[in-house]
Amino acid sequence: MLVERKRSHIEDRVHRACGALRHARLMAAEEAMGLLSAVRLGVLLGLLEEPALLCVHELMLLVQPAHLQRAAGRELSQKERRSARADLIRARLRAP
């Protein structure tokens, strides 16, 4: 019912989230989770064909601070994590 009544609002939110995720150079963990959640909703509602739901779920895990630091092999500052998070998301969401 929400999709029927607020379709354009939901579509706008989902597509804005995609744009932010695909182009941001710095991304806080909380912001990333909110945007990924919007993209997940878009995939589940059939508003988006890409990215795959599995990719969104993986990113929701991999953008967490501990996972970023593990991938880097060292402790990262907040600024380094924000940059690494945005880099990871852009790489994973890059068009094939």
PDB file of N, CA and C in Angstrom:
ATOM      1  N   MET A   1       0.832  -1.184   0.000  1.00  0.00           N
ATOM      2  CA  MET A   1       0.000   0.000   0.000  1.00  0.00           C
ATOM      3  C   MET A   1       0.885   1.259   0.000  1.00  0.00           C
ATOM      4  N   LEU A   2       1.988   1.210   0.749  1.00  0.00           N
ATOM      5  CA  LEU A   2       2.888   2.357   0.784  1.00  0.00           C
ATOM      6  C   LEU A   2       3.455   2.651  -0.607  1.00  0.00           C
ATOM      7  N   VAL A   3       3.822   1.614  -1.327  1.00  0.00           N
ATOM      8  CA  VAL A   3       4.379   1.797  -2.667  1.00  0.00           C
ATOM      9  C   VAL A   3       3.345   2.425  -3.590  1.00  0.00           C
ATOM     10  N   GLU A   4       2.100   2.018  -3.467  1.00  0.00           N
ATOM     11  CA  GLU A   4       1.047   2.579  -4.315  1.00  0.00           C
ATOM     12  C   GLU A   4       0.830   4.063  -4.031  1.00  0.00           C
ATOM     13  N   ARG A   5       0.858   4.441  -2.767  1.00  0.00           N
ATOM     14  CA  ARG A   5       0.553   5.822  -2.391  1.00  0.00           C
ATOM     15  C   ARG A   5       1.752   6.759  -2.515  1.00  0.00           C
ATOM     16  N   LYS A   6       2.928   6.238  -2.286  1.00  0.00           N
ATOM     17  CA  LYS A   6       4.128   7.080  -2.250  1.00  0.00           C
ATOM     18  C   LYS A   6       5.200   6.594  -3.228  1.00  0.00           C
ATOM     19  N   ARG A   7       4.790   6.040  -4.343  1.00  0.00           N
ATOM     20  CA  ARG A   7       5.731   5.427  -5.279  1.00  0.00           C
ATOM     21  C   ARG A   7       6.834   6.393  -5.718  1.00  0.00           C
ATOM     22  N   SER A   8       6.479   7.588  -6.136  1.00  0.00           N
ATOM     23  CA  SER A   8       7.496   8.517  -6.628  1.00  0.00           C
ATOM     24  C   SER A   8       8.462   8.915  -5.513  1.00  0.00           C
ATOM     25  N   HIS A   9       7.964   9.038  -4.294  1.00  0.00           N
ATOM     26  CA  HIS A   9       8.822   9.365  -3.154  1.00  0.00           C
ATOM     27  C   HIS A   9       9.810   8.224  -2.888  1.00  0.00           C
ATOM     28  N   ILE A  10       9.328   6.993  -2.923  1.00  0.00           N
ATOM     29  CA  ILE A  10      10.188   5.830  -2.691  1.00  0.00           C
ATOM     30  C   ILE A  10      11.200   5.685  -3.821  1.00  0.00           C
ATOM     31  N   GLU A  11      10.756   5.831  -5.066  1.00  0.00           N
ATOM     32  CA  GLU A  11      11.668   5.749  -6.203  1.00  0.00           C
ATOM     33  C   GLU A  11      12.762   6.808  -6.104  1.00  0.00           C
ATOM     34  N   ASP A  12      12.390   8.019  -5.727  1.00  0.00           N
ATOM     35  CA  ASP A  12      13.355   9.092  -5.585  1.00  0.00           C
ATOM     36  C   ASP A  12      14.385   8.744  -4.514  1.00  0.00           C
ATOM     37  N   ARG A  13      13.927   8.277  -3.382  1.00  0.00           N
ATOM     38  CA  ARG A  13      14.832   7.909  -2.276  1.00  0.00           C
ATOM     39  C   ARG A  13      15.799   6.813  -2.701  1.00  0.00           C
ATOM     40  N   VAL A  14      15.278   5.795  -3.374  1.00  0.00           N
ATOM     41  CA  VAL A  14      16.096   4.657  -3.809  1.00  0.00           C
ATOM     42  C   VAL A  14      17.147   5.105  -4.822  1.00  0.00           C
ATOM     43  N   HIS A  15      16.745   5.884  -5.807  1.00  0.00           N
ATOM     44  CA  HIS A  15      17.682   6.312  -6.845  1.00  0.00           C
ATOM     45  C   HIS A  15      18.696   7.333  -6.330  1.00  0.00           C
ATOM     46  N   ARG A  16      18.289   8.184  -5.412  1.00  0.00           N
ATOM     47  CA  ARG A  16      19.244   9.102  -4.785  1.00  0.00           C
ATOM     48  C   ARG A  16      20.287   8.314  -3.996  1.00  0.00           C
ATOM     49  N   ALA A  17      19.836   7.276  -3.296  1.00  0.00           N
ATOM     50  CA  ALA A  17      20.762   6.437  -2.533  1.00  0.00           C
ATOM     51  C   ALA A  17      21.774   5.783  -3.462  1.00  0.00           C
ATOM     52  N   CYS A  18      21.314   5.273  -4.583  1.00  0.00           N
ATOM     53  CA  CYS A  18      22.227   4.665  -5.571  1.00  0.00           C
ATOM     54  C   CYS A  18      23.266   5.670  -6.031  1.00  0.00           C
ATOM     55  N   GLY A  19      22.820   6.860  -6.347  1.00  0.00           N
ATOM     56  CA  GLY A  19      23.748   7.891  -6.811  1.00  0.00           C
ATOM     57  C   GLY A  19      24.786   8.249  -5.760  1.00  0.00           C
ATOM     58  N   ALA A  20      24.347   8.425  -4.540  1.00  0.00           N
ATOM     59  CA  ALA A  20      25.279   8.767  -3.465  1.00  0.00           C
ATOM     60  C   ALA A  20      26.292   7.641  -3.247  1.00  0.00           C
ATOM     61  N   LEU A  21      25.829   6.411  -3.238  1.00  0.00           N
ATOM     62  CA  LEU A  21      26.723   5.274  -3.027  1.00  0.00           C
ATOM     63  C   LEU A  21      27.716   5.118  -4.172  1.00  0.00           C
ATOM     64  N   ARG A  22      27.294   5.381  -5.387  1.00  0.00           N
ATOM     65  CA  ARG A  22      28.168   5.188  -6.549  1.00  0.00           C
ATOM     66  C   ARG A  22      29.161   6.323  -6.761  1.00  0.00           C
ATOM     67  N   HIS A  23      28.952   7.475  -6.101  1.00  0.00           N
ATOM     68  CA  HIS A  23      29.810   8.625  -6.385  1.00  0.00           C
ATOM     69  C   HIS A  23      30.499   9.243  -5.176  1.00  0.00           C
ATOM     70  N   ALA A  24      30.111   8.900  -3.975  1.00  0.00           N
ATOM     71  CA  ALA A  24      30.704   9.517  -2.785  1.00  0.00           C
ATOM     72  C   ALA A  24      32.173   9.151  -2.647  1.00  0.00           C
ATOM     73  N   ARG A  25      32.950  10.064  -2.110  1.00  0.00           N
ATOM     74  CA  ARG A  25      34.376   9.832  -1.858  1.00  0.00           C
ATOM     75  C   ARG A  25      34.641   9.585  -0.375  1.00  0.00           C
ATOM     76  N   LEU A  26      33.715  10.001   0.472  1.00  0.00           N
ATOM     77  CA  LEU A  26      33.781   9.744   1.912  1.00  0.00           C
ATOM     78  C   LEU A  26      32.407   9.275   2.359  1.00  0.00           C
ATOM     79  N   MET A  27      32.374   8.271   3.224  1.00  0.00           N
ATOM     80  CA  MET A  27      31.083   7.724   3.652  1.00  0.00           C
ATOM     81  C   MET A  27      31.197   7.222   5.095  1.00  0.00           C
ATOM     82  N   ALA A  28      30.385   7.794   5.974  1.00  0.00           N
ATOM     83  CA  ALA A  28      30.318   7.325   7.355  1.00  0.00           C
ATOM     84  C   ALA A  28      29.528   6.009   7.397  1.00  0.00           C
ATOM     85  N   ALA A  29      29.791   5.213   8.408  1.00  0.00           N
ATOM     86  CA  ALA A  29      29.140   3.903   8.526  1.00  0.00           C
ATOM     87  C   ALA A  29      27.619   4.044   8.611  1.00  0.00           C
ATOM     88  N   GLU A  30      27.156   4.957   9.426  1.00  0.00           N
ATOM     89  CA  GLU A  30      25.708   5.138   9.600  1.00  0.00           C
ATOM     90  C   GLU A  30      25.051   5.586   8.289  1.00  0.00           C
ATOM     91  N   GLU A  31      25.698   6.487   7.592  1.00  0.00           N
ATOM     92  CA  GLU A  31      25.174   6.958   6.310  1.00  0.00           C
ATOM     93  C   GLU A  31      25.137   5.811   5.301  1.00  0.00           C
ATOM     94  N   ALA A  32      26.213   5.041   5.246  1.00  0.00           N
ATOM     95  CA  ALA A  32      26.281   3.912   4.316  1.00  0.00           C
ATOM     96  C   ALA A  32      25.155   2.921   4.591  1.00  0.00           C
ATOM     97  N   MET A  33      24.909   2.624   5.848  1.00  0.00           N
ATOM     98  CA  MET A  33      23.851   1.669   6.181  1.00  0.00           C
ATOM     99  C   MET A  33      22.476   2.194   5.776  1.00  0.00           C
ATOM    100  N   GLY A  34      22.247   3.475   5.982  1.00  0.00           N
ATOM    101  CA  GLY A  34      20.966   4.057   5.577  1.00  0.00           C
ATOM    102  C   GLY A  34      20.766   4.007   4.072  1.00  0.00           C
ATOM    103  N   LEU A  35      21.808   4.360   3.337  1.00  0.00           N
ATOM    104  CA  LEU A  35      21.721   4.343   1.876  1.00  0.00           C
ATOM    105  C   LEU A  35      21.604   2.921   1.339  1.00  0.00           C
ATOM    106  N   LEU A  36      22.366   2.000   1.909  1.00  0.00           N
ATOM    107  CA  LEU A  36      22.274   0.595   1.488  1.00  0.00           C
ATOM    108  C   LEU A  36      20.898   0.019   1.803  1.00  0.00           C
ATOM    109  N   SER A  37      20.316   0.444   2.904  1.00  0.00           N
ATOM    110  CA  SER A  37      18.964  -0.013   3.245  1.00  0.00           C
ATOM    111  C   SER A  37      17.946   0.466   2.219  1.00  0.00           C
ATOM    112  N   ALA A  38      18.108   1.692   1.754  1.00  0.00           N
ATOM    113  CA  ALA A  38      17.208   2.226   0.724  1.00  0.00           C
ATOM    114  C   ALA A  38      17.375   1.451  -0.580  1.00  0.00           C
ATOM    115  N   VAL A  39      18.610   1.141  -0.940  1.00  0.00           N
ATOM    116  CA  VAL A  39      18.860   0.362  -2.156  1.00  0.00           C
ATOM    117  C   VAL A  39      18.276  -1.036  -1.998  1.00  0.00           C
ATOM    118  N   ARG A  40      18.452  -1.620  -0.828  1.00  0.00           N
ATOM    119  CA  ARG A  40      17.883  -2.957  -0.567  1.00  0.00           C
ATOM    120  C   ARG A  40      16.368  -2.932  -0.761  1.00  0.00           C
ATOM    121  N   LEU A  41      15.715  -1.906  -0.245  1.00  0.00           N
ATOM    122  CA  LEU A  41      14.276  -1.765  -0.419  1.00  0.00           C
ATOM    123  C   LEU A  41      13.933  -1.680  -1.902  1.00  0.00           C
ATOM    124  N   GLY A  42      14.704  -0.909  -2.650  1.00  0.00           N
ATOM    125  CA  GLY A  42      14.464  -0.781  -4.087  1.00  0.00           C
ATOM    126  C   GLY A  42      14.592  -2.101  -4.819  1.00  0.00           C
ATOM    127  N   VAL A  43      15.583  -2.894  -4.441  1.00  0.00           N
ATOM    128  CA  VAL A  43      15.759  -4.213  -5.061  1.00  0.00           C
ATOM    129  C   VAL A  43      14.574  -5.111  -4.711  1.00  0.00           C
ATOM    130  N   LEU A  44      14.211  -5.131  -3.440  1.00  0.00           N
ATOM    131  CA  LEU A  44      13.113  -5.998  -2.997  1.00  0.00           C
ATOM    132  C   LEU A  44      11.768  -5.611  -3.616  1.00  0.00           C
ATOM    133  N   LEU A  45      11.578  -4.332  -3.878  1.00  0.00           N
ATOM    134  CA  LEU A  45      10.319  -3.866  -4.485  1.00  0.00           C
ATOM    135  C   LEU A  45      10.340  -3.962  -6.008  1.00  0.00           C
ATOM    136  N   GLY A  46      11.470  -4.364  -6.564  1.00  0.00           N
ATOM    137  CA  GLY A  46      11.574  -4.476  -8.008  1.00  0.00           C
ATOM    138  C   GLY A  46      11.815  -3.153  -8.712  1.00  0.00           C
ATOM    139  N   LEU A  47      12.209  -2.136  -7.964  1.00  0.00           N
ATOM    140  CA  LEU A  47      12.494  -0.836  -8.557  1.00  0.00           C
ATOM    141  C   LEU A  47      13.886  -0.800  -9.174  1.00  0.00           C
ATOM    142  N   LEU A  48      14.757  -1.691  -8.727  1.00  0.00           N
ATOM    143  CA  LEU A  48      16.124  -1.795  -9.228  1.00  0.00           C
ATOM    144  C   LEU A  48      16.416  -3.233  -9.616  1.00  0.00           C
ATOM    145  N   GLU A  49      17.111  -3.407 -10.715  1.00  0.00           N
ATOM    146  CA  GLU A  49      17.574  -4.742 -11.098  1.00  0.00           C
ATOM    147  C   GLU A  49      18.985  -4.977 -10.596  1.00  0.00           C
ATOM    148  N   GLU A  50      19.746  -3.920 -10.492  1.00  0.00           N
ATOM    149  CA  GLU A  50      21.123  -3.956 -10.004  1.00  0.00           C
ATOM    150  C   GLU A  50      21.246  -2.950  -8.884  1.00  0.00           C
ATOM    151  N   PRO A  51      22.004  -3.216  -7.884  1.00  0.00           N
ATOM    152  CA  PRO A  51      22.861  -4.370  -7.665  1.00  0.00           C
ATOM    153  C   PRO A  51      22.056  -5.576  -7.194  1.00  0.00           C
ATOM    154  N   ALA A  52      22.690  -6.716  -7.228  1.00  0.00           N
ATOM    155  CA  ALA A  52      22.053  -7.935  -6.731  1.00  0.00           C
ATOM    156  C   ALA A  52      21.874  -7.805  -5.219  1.00  0.00           C
ATOM    157  N   LEU A  53      20.834  -8.420  -4.706  1.00  0.00           N
ATOM    158  CA  LEU A  53      20.553  -8.374  -3.281  1.00  0.00           C
ATOM    159  C   LEU A  53      21.737  -8.906  -2.468  1.00  0.00           C
ATOM    160  N   LEU A  54      22.385  -9.945  -2.962  1.00  0.00           N
ATOM    161  CA  LEU A  54      23.547 -10.499  -2.262  1.00  0.00           C
ATOM    162  C   LEU A  54      24.655  -9.453  -2.131  1.00  0.00           C
ATOM    163  N   CYS A  55      24.869  -8.673  -3.170  1.00  0.00           N
ATOM    164  CA  CYS A  55      25.880  -7.621  -3.135  1.00  0.00           C
ATOM    165  C   CYS A  55      25.547  -6.594  -2.054  1.00  0.00           C
ATOM    166  N   VAL A  56      24.298  -6.201  -1.963  1.00  0.00           N
ATOM    167  CA  VAL A  56      23.871  -5.236  -0.949  1.00  0.00           C
ATOM    168  C   VAL A  56      24.096  -5.806   0.444  1.00  0.00           C
ATOM    169  N   HIS A  57      23.722  -7.057   0.648  1.00  0.00           N
ATOM    170  CA  HIS A  57      23.911  -7.690   1.956  1.00  0.00           C
ATOM    171  C   HIS A  57      25.390  -7.771   2.321  1.00  0.00           C
ATOM    172  N   GLU A  58      26.227  -8.128   1.356  1.00  0.00           N
ATOM    173  CA  GLU A  58      27.667  -8.198   1.612  1.00  0.00           C
ATOM    174  C   GLU A  58      28.211  -6.825   2.002  1.00  0.00           C
ATOM    175  N   LEU A  59      27.797  -5.794   1.274  1.00  0.00           N
ATOM    176  CA  LEU A  59      28.269  -4.448   1.590  1.00  0.00           C
ATOM    177  C   LEU A  59      27.830  -4.011   2.980  1.00  0.00           C
ATOM    178  N   MET A  60      26.635  -4.382   3.383  1.00  0.00           N
ATOM    179  CA  MET A  60      26.155  -4.008   4.716  1.00  0.00           C
ATOM    180  C   MET A  60      27.066  -4.575   5.812  1.00  0.00           C
ATOM    181  N   LEU A  61      27.683  -5.672   5.528  1.00  0.00           N
ATOM    182  CA  LEU A  61      28.625  -6.275   6.470  1.00  0.00           C
ATOM    183  C   LEU A  61      30.020  -5.667   6.302  1.00  0.00           C
ATOM    184  N   LEU A  62      30.483  -5.575   5.077  1.00  0.00           N
ATOM    185  CA  LEU A  62      31.868  -5.169   4.809  1.00  0.00           C
ATOM    186  C   LEU A  62      32.167  -3.703   5.108  1.00  0.00           C
ATOM    187  N   VAL A  63      31.151  -2.852   5.183  1.00  0.00           N
ATOM    188  CA  VAL A  63      31.397  -1.431   5.451  1.00  0.00           C
ATOM    189  C   VAL A  63      31.558  -1.127   6.938  1.00  0.00           C
ATOM    190  N   GLN A  64      31.385  -2.128   7.772  1.00  0.00           N
ATOM    191  CA  GLN A  64      31.548  -1.930   9.209  1.00  0.00           C
ATOM    192  C   GLN A  64      33.024  -1.690   9.531  1.00  0.00           C
ATOM    193  N   PRO A  65      33.315  -0.856  10.531  1.00  0.00           N
ATOM    194  CA  PRO A  65      34.701  -0.479  10.831  1.00  0.00           C
ATOM    195  C   PRO A  65      35.669  -1.657  10.985  1.00  0.00           C
ATOM    196  N   ALA A  66      35.300  -2.668  11.708  1.00  0.00           N
ATOM    197  CA  ALA A  66      36.212  -3.798  11.934  1.00  0.00           C
ATOM    198  C   ALA A  66      36.539  -4.529  10.632  1.00  0.00           C
ATOM    199  N   HIS A  67      35.562  -4.670   9.765  1.00  0.00           N
ATOM    200  CA  HIS A  67      35.803  -5.341   8.479  1.00  0.00           C
ATOM    201  C   HIS A  67      36.721  -4.515   7.587  1.00  0.00           C
ATOM    202  N   LEU A  68      36.554  -3.201   7.600  1.00  0.00           N
ATOM    203  CA  LEU A  68      37.432  -2.337   6.812  1.00  0.00           C
ATOM    204  C   LEU A  68      38.871  -2.431   7.313  1.00  0.00           C
ATOM    205  N   GLN A  69      39.029  -2.426   8.630  1.00  0.00           N
ATOM    206  CA  GLN A  69      40.365  -2.488   9.212  1.00  0.00           C
ATOM    207  C   GLN A  69      41.001  -3.852   8.968  1.00  0.00           C
ATOM    208  N   ARG A  70      40.205  -4.893   9.027  1.00  0.00           N
ATOM    209  CA  ARG A  70      40.729  -6.232   8.746  1.00  0.00           C
ATOM    210  C   ARG A  70      41.205  -6.319   7.297  1.00  0.00           C
ATOM    211  N   ALA A  71      40.423  -5.774   6.381  1.00  0.00           N
ATOM    212  CA  ALA A  71      40.804  -5.792   4.971  1.00  0.00           C
ATOM    213  C   ALA A  71      42.083  -4.989   4.741  1.00  0.00           C
ATOM    214  N   ALA A  72      42.253  -3.897   5.487  1.00  0.00           N
ATOM    215  CA  ALA A  72      43.446  -3.061   5.351  1.00  0.00           C
ATOM    216  C   ALA A  72      44.646  -3.677   6.068  1.00  0.00           C
ATOM    217  N   GLY A  73      44.373  -4.558   6.996  1.00  0.00           N
ATOM    218  CA  GLY A  73      45.452  -5.191   7.747  1.00  0.00           C
ATOM    219  C   GLY A  73      46.041  -4.319   8.831  1.00  0.00           C
ATOM    220  N   ARG A  74      45.331  -3.265   9.191  1.00  0.00           N
ATOM    221  CA  ARG A  74      45.810  -2.365  10.237  1.00  0.00           C
ATOM    222  C   ARG A  74      44.647  -1.533  10.761  1.00  0.00           C
ATOM    223  N   GLU A  75      44.895  -0.841  11.857  1.00  0.00           N
ATOM    224  CA  GLU A  75      43.887   0.055  12.405  1.00  0.00           C
ATOM    225  C   GLU A  75      43.839   1.311  11.539  1.00  0.00           C
ATOM    226  N   LEU A  76      42.632   1.755  11.228  1.00  0.00           N
ATOM    227  CA  LEU A  76      42.444   2.935  10.387  1.00  0.00           C
ATOM    228  C   LEU A  76      41.849   4.074  11.200  1.00  0.00           C
ATOM    229  N   SER A  77      42.232   5.286  10.873  1.00  0.00           N
ATOM    230  CA  SER A  77      41.605   6.452  11.497  1.00  0.00           C
ATOM    231  C   SER A  77      40.186   6.579  10.950  1.00  0.00           C
ATOM    232  N   GLN A  78      39.401   7.433  11.564  1.00  0.00           N
ATOM    233  CA  GLN A  78      38.027   7.636  11.096  1.00  0.00           C
ATOM    234  C   GLN A  78      38.017   8.133   9.645  1.00  0.00           C
ATOM    235  N   LYS A  79      38.903   9.063   9.319  1.00  0.00           N
ATOM    236  CA  LYS A  79      38.961   9.586   7.960  1.00  0.00           C
ATOM    237  C   LYS A  79      39.361   8.488   6.970  1.00  0.00           C
ATOM    238  N   GLU A  80      40.307   7.656   7.354  1.00  0.00           N
ATOM    239  CA  GLU A  80      40.730   6.553   6.486  1.00  0.00           C
ATOM    240  C   GLU A  80      39.599   5.543   6.289  1.00  0.00           C
ATOM    241  N   ARG A  81      38.848   5.278   7.350  1.00  0.00           N
ATOM    242  CA  ARG A  81      37.704   4.354   7.237  1.00  0.00           C
ATOM    243  C   ARG A  81      36.634   4.925   6.314  1.00  0.00           C
ATOM    244  N   ARG A  82      36.369   6.203   6.447  1.00  0.00           N
ATOM    245  CA  ARG A  82      35.350   6.830   5.588  1.00  0.00           C
ATOM    246  C   ARG A  82      35.753   6.756   4.122  1.00  0.00           C
ATOM    247  N   SER A  83      37.012   6.976   3.845  1.00  0.00           N
ATOM    248  CA  SER A  83      37.514   6.899   2.483  1.00  0.00           C
ATOM    249  C   SER A  83      37.509   5.451   1.971  1.00  0.00           C
ATOM    250  N   ALA A  84      37.989   4.529   2.802  1.00  0.00           N
ATOM    251  CA  ALA A  84      38.028   3.113   2.409  1.00  0.00           C
ATOM    252  C   ALA A  84      36.620   2.580   2.171  1.00  0.00           C
ATOM    253  N   ARG A  85      35.684   3.003   2.991  1.00  0.00           N
ATOM    254  CA  ARG A  85      34.288   2.570   2.862  1.00  0.00           C
ATOM    255  C   ARG A  85      33.711   3.038   1.523  1.00  0.00           C
ATOM    256  N   ALA A  86      33.920   4.318   1.203  1.00  0.00           N
ATOM    257  CA  ALA A  86      33.413   4.855  -0.062  1.00  0.00           C
ATOM    258  C   ALA A  86      34.080   4.160  -1.248  1.00  0.00           C
ATOM    259  N   ASP A  87      35.391   3.922  -1.154  1.00  0.00           N
ATOM    260  CA  ASP A  87      36.106   3.224  -2.232  1.00  0.00           C
ATOM    261  C   ASP A  87      35.540   1.824  -2.449  1.00  0.00           C
ATOM    262  N   LEU A  88      35.319   1.113  -1.355  1.00  0.00           N
ATOM    263  CA  LEU A  88      34.782  -0.246  -1.434  1.00  0.00           C
ATOM    264  C   LEU A  88      33.399  -0.254  -2.079  1.00  0.00           C
ATOM    265  N   ILE A  89      32.550   0.634  -1.631  1.00  0.00           N
ATOM    266  CA  ILE A  89      31.188   0.686  -2.157  1.00  0.00           C
ATOM    267  C   ILE A  89      31.208   1.031  -3.648  1.00  0.00           C
ATOM    268  N   ARG A  90      31.990   2.024  -4.025  1.00  0.00           N
ATOM    269  CA  ARG A  90      32.058   2.410  -5.443  1.00  0.00           C
ATOM    270  C   ARG A  90      32.563   1.236  -6.290  1.00  0.00           C
ATOM    271  N   ALA A  91      33.569   0.532  -5.791  1.00  0.00           N
ATOM    272  CA  ALA A  91      34.126  -0.599  -6.546  1.00  0.00           C
ATOM    273  C   ALA A  91      33.100  -1.704  -6.716  1.00  0.00           C
ATOM    274  N   ARG A  92      32.345  -2.001  -5.681  1.00  0.00           N
ATOM    275  CA  ARG A  92      31.360  -3.061  -5.742  1.00  0.00           C
ATOM    276  C   ARG A  92      30.136  -2.700  -6.573  1.00  0.00           C
ATOM    277  N   LEU A  93      29.793  -1.418  -6.632  1.00  0.00           N
ATOM    278  CA  LEU A  93      28.597  -0.980  -7.349  1.00  0.00           C
ATOM    279  C   LEU A  93      28.904  -0.463  -8.749  1.00  0.00           C
ATOM    280  N   ARG A  94      30.162  -0.522  -9.140  1.00  0.00           N
ATOM    281  CA  ARG A  94      30.562  -0.061 -10.463  1.00  0.00           C
ATOM    282  C   ARG A  94      29.817  -0.849 -11.524  1.00  0.00           C
ATOM    283  N   ALA A  95      29.357  -0.166 -12.517  1.00  0.00           N
ATOM    284  CA  ALA A  95      28.647  -0.831 -13.620  1.00  0.00           C
ATOM    285  C   ALA A  95      29.612  -1.782 -14.323  1.00  0.00           C
ATOM    286  N   PRO A  96      29.147  -2.967 -14.702  1.00  0.00           N
ATOM    287  CA  PRO A  96      30.024  -3.958 -15.364  1.00  0.00           C
ATOM    288  C   PRO A  96      30.540  -3.489 -16.698  1.00  0.00           C
TER     289      PRO A  96
END
